[in-house]
Each structure stands twice: as structure tokens, then as C-alpha cells.
């Protein structure tokens, strides 16, 4: 089982983002997430800068599992990275 930190960057209105969050919850994965569209301007800008360091395109959803980054809800790739 994964013991690396997991962080999900998402939008509150994105169906793929919601599906990925639901997947993590169903599999009892401990993770942090941020709904970028719900942040205040200054915090949103800082979070997008943080996101672009791991995903230069800034596309969502983006999940960081330790030092591994998966862009999009690629379930098999995410399962492998999480060891579920």
C-alpha cells in the first residue's frame, strides 16, 4: 500500500476531477486536494504556480503521488502508482 503523500489538484466543476476524488475515497487513500476554482485570486495564483512546477500545462485533474505525477484520470496508472 502507498505511504507516499498524495495531492490532487482539481476543479469543483470537473467530472473527471470528481471521478478521481471518488476513486481515491473508495480505495481508502489518504490524500489532500485543492479545488483551484474555489480559491481566492492570490491563493489561486500561488497554487497554479505550484501545479505548473509538476505539470507545465496546468491541466486538471493532476495527481501527485510522492514524486510521481499523473495528469488526467488514468485509473490503471494511478492504481499502479498507489499500489492498489
Protein backbone atom coordinates (compact mmCIF):
# COMPACT_ATOMS: atom_id res chain seq x y z
CA UNK A 1 0.00 0.00 0.00
CA UNK A 2 1.15 3.52 -0.79
CA UNK A 3 2.74 5.51 2.02
CA UNK A 4 3.84 8.49 -0.07
CA UNK A 5 1.97 11.80 0.16
CA UNK A 6 -0.86 12.17 -2.34
CA UNK A 7 -2.13 15.54 -3.54
CA UNK A 8 -4.93 16.10 -6.03
CA UNK A 9 -5.29 19.36 -7.95
CA UNK A 10 -8.83 19.70 -9.27
CA UNK A 11 -11.75 21.91 -10.21
CA UNK A 12 -15.03 21.69 -8.31
CA UNK A 13 -16.96 21.59 -11.61
CA UNK A 14 -14.86 18.96 -13.45
CA UNK A 15 -16.43 15.49 -13.86
CA UNK A 16 -13.04 13.77 -14.32
CA UNK A 17 -11.77 15.50 -11.18
CA UNK A 18 -14.81 14.32 -9.21
CA UNK A 19 -14.37 10.76 -10.52
CA UNK A 20 -10.73 10.73 -9.45
CA UNK A 21 -11.56 12.07 -5.98
CA UNK A 22 -14.31 9.43 -5.63
CA UNK A 23 -11.85 6.73 -6.73
CA UNK A 24 -9.34 7.77 -4.06
CA UNK A 25 -12.04 7.80 -1.37
CA UNK A 26 -13.42 4.37 -2.43
CA UNK A 27 -9.92 2.92 -2.17
CA UNK A 28 -9.31 4.47 1.27
CA UNK A 29 -6.36 6.53 0.04
CA UNK A 30 -5.30 9.36 2.33
CA UNK A 31 -4.90 12.45 0.21
CA UNK A 32 -5.01 16.21 0.20
CA UNK A 33 -6.82 18.07 -2.53
CA UNK A 34 -7.43 21.57 -3.67
CA UNK A 35 -10.31 22.94 -5.75
CA UNK A 36 -8.39 25.59 -7.63
CA UNK A 37 -11.52 27.37 -8.88
CA UNK A 38 -12.73 27.95 -5.31
CA UNK A 39 -9.55 29.71 -4.15
CA UNK A 40 -9.22 33.47 -3.76
CA UNK A 41 -7.22 35.19 -6.51
CA UNK A 42 -3.87 35.38 -4.70
CA UNK A 43 -4.06 31.81 -3.40
CA UNK A 44 -5.26 30.55 -6.82
CA UNK A 45 -2.26 32.17 -8.50
CA UNK A 46 0.17 30.60 -5.99
CA UNK A 47 -1.48 27.18 -6.35
CA UNK A 48 -1.34 27.35 -10.15
CA UNK A 49 2.36 28.21 -9.92
CA UNK A 50 2.85 25.16 -7.65
CA UNK A 51 0.87 22.99 -10.10
CA UNK A 52 2.86 24.16 -13.12
CA UNK A 53 6.09 23.05 -11.42
CA UNK A 54 4.85 19.44 -11.70
CA UNK A 55 2.56 19.84 -14.75
CA UNK A 56 3.69 22.70 -17.00
CA UNK A 57 0.39 22.69 -18.93
CA UNK A 58 -1.57 23.19 -15.71
CA UNK A 59 -4.29 20.78 -16.86
CA UNK A 60 -6.65 19.13 -14.41
CA UNK A 61 -7.03 16.79 -12.72
CA UNK A 62 -3.40 16.37 -11.77
CA UNK A 63 -2.40 13.99 -9.00
CA UNK A 64 0.98 13.87 -7.34
CA UNK A 65 1.89 10.60 -5.63
CA UNK A 66 5.23 11.11 -3.94
CA UNK A 67 7.43 12.31 -6.80
CA UNK A 68 5.25 10.70 -9.48
CA UNK A 69 2.74 12.86 -11.37
CA UNK A 70 -0.27 11.62 -13.33
CA UNK A 71 -2.24 14.07 -15.46
CA UNK A 72 -5.87 13.12 -16.05
CA UNK A 73 -7.89 10.29 -14.54
CA UNK A 74 -5.73 7.43 -15.82
CA UNK A 75 -7.07 4.81 -13.45
CA UNK A 76 -4.60 1.99 -14.22
CA UNK A 77 -1.58 4.29 -13.99
CA UNK A 78 -2.88 5.71 -10.71
CA UNK A 79 -3.62 2.24 -9.29
CA UNK A 80 -0.08 1.17 -10.13
CA UNK A 81 1.43 4.27 -8.53
CA UNK A 82 -0.71 3.82 -5.41
CA UNK A 83 -0.14 0.04 -5.31
CA UNK A 84 -3.88 -0.72 -5.04
